[in-house]
């Protein structure tokens, strides 16, 4: 599933999903999109892809898997916090 990018409303909490498990990533995106007051603004299969795009569309929340190939989720969160501290 590719999440939609609806216009951001103050009452909508935007969420990005970073997980190497495609099935879980899609389930989370669908669940977020179907929940009132939430919008999934991006899904990424690795930390590197997330780090390249998330600073351009900073979400309110990032759901990040800890154990991923390449950069770990823990390091990804540290980098995200430095680059987009309001997430």
Protein backbone atom coordinates (compact mmCIF):
# COMPACT_ATOMS: atom_id res chain seq x y z
CA UNK A 1 0.00 0.00 0.00
CA UNK A 2 1.21 3.47 -0.81
CA UNK A 3 -0.03 5.96 1.76
CA UNK A 4 -1.79 9.07 0.61
CA UNK A 5 -0.43 12.49 1.44
CA UNK A 6 -3.51 14.46 2.44
CA UNK A 7 -3.18 18.16 3.18
CA UNK A 8 -1.99 18.48 6.72
CA UNK A 9 -4.61 19.59 9.17
CA UNK A 10 -3.76 20.70 12.72
CA UNK A 11 -5.91 17.92 14.16
CA UNK A 12 -4.21 15.20 12.07
CA UNK A 13 -1.20 13.38 13.50
CA UNK A 14 1.19 12.46 10.70
CA UNK A 15 3.07 9.18 10.96
CA UNK A 16 5.96 7.62 9.01
CA UNK A 17 6.73 3.89 9.15
CA UNK A 18 10.29 2.56 8.84
CA UNK A 19 10.47 -1.24 8.77
CA UNK A 20 12.20 -3.78 6.55
CA UNK A 21 9.23 -6.18 6.79
CA UNK A 22 7.04 -5.19 3.82
CA UNK A 23 3.94 -6.97 5.10
CA UNK A 24 4.12 -5.36 8.53
CA UNK A 25 4.88 -1.96 6.96
CA UNK A 26 1.75 -2.23 4.79
CA UNK A 27 -0.43 -3.37 7.68
CA UNK A 28 0.73 -0.46 9.84
CA UNK A 29 0.17 2.03 7.00
CA UNK A 30 -3.36 0.70 6.42
CA UNK A 31 -4.15 0.81 10.11
CA UNK A 32 -2.88 4.40 10.43
CA UNK A 33 -4.77 5.55 7.31
CA UNK A 34 -8.01 3.99 8.57
CA UNK A 35 -7.75 5.65 11.99
CA UNK A 36 -9.47 8.99 12.49
CA UNK A 37 -7.03 11.80 13.19
CA UNK A 38 -4.00 10.03 11.69
CA UNK A 39 -2.32 10.09 8.28
CA UNK A 40 0.56 7.95 7.06
CA UNK A 41 2.95 10.28 5.20
CA UNK A 42 5.56 7.72 4.24
CA UNK A 43 6.71 4.12 4.40
CA UNK A 44 10.38 3.19 4.17
CA UNK A 45 12.10 -0.18 4.02
CA UNK A 46 15.35 1.03 5.57
CA UNK A 47 16.81 3.80 7.69
CA UNK A 48 18.81 5.24 4.81
CA UNK A 49 15.70 5.79 2.68
CA UNK A 50 13.86 7.33 5.61
CA UNK A 51 16.74 9.67 6.40
CA UNK A 52 16.86 10.85 2.77
CA UNK A 53 13.16 11.79 2.67
CA UNK A 54 11.76 12.44 6.15
CA UNK A 55 13.50 15.79 6.74
CA UNK A 56 11.61 17.09 3.66
CA UNK A 57 8.19 16.00 5.00
CA UNK A 58 8.69 15.81 8.77
CA UNK A 59 6.07 13.63 10.42
CA UNK A 60 4.75 14.12 13.93
CA UNK A 61 5.64 10.50 14.76
CA UNK A 62 8.05 7.96 13.27
CA UNK A 63 7.48 4.26 13.95
CA UNK A 64 10.91 2.72 13.50
CA UNK A 65 11.90 -0.95 13.65
CA UNK A 66 14.99 -1.44 15.83
CA UNK A 67 16.55 -4.38 13.97
CA UNK A 68 17.02 -3.53 10.31
CA UNK A 69 19.80 -4.32 7.86
CA UNK A 70 22.20 -1.43 7.36
CA UNK A 71 21.66 1.35 9.85
CA UNK A 72 19.82 0.21 12.97
CA UNK A 73 16.53 1.75 14.02
CA UNK A 74 18.18 3.12 17.15
CA UNK A 75 20.76 5.03 15.09
CA UNK A 76 18.02 6.13 12.70
CA UNK A 77 16.01 7.64 15.56
CA UNK A 78 19.12 9.43 16.86
CA UNK A 79 19.74 10.92 13.40
CA UNK A 80 16.08 11.85 12.94
CA UNK A 81 16.04 13.60 16.30
CA UNK A 82 19.04 15.71 15.25
CA UNK A 83 17.64 16.56 11.81
CA UNK A 84 13.94 16.98 12.70
CA UNK A 85 13.71 17.55 16.45
CA UNK A 86 9.96 18.17 16.42
CA UNK A 87 9.26 14.61 15.28
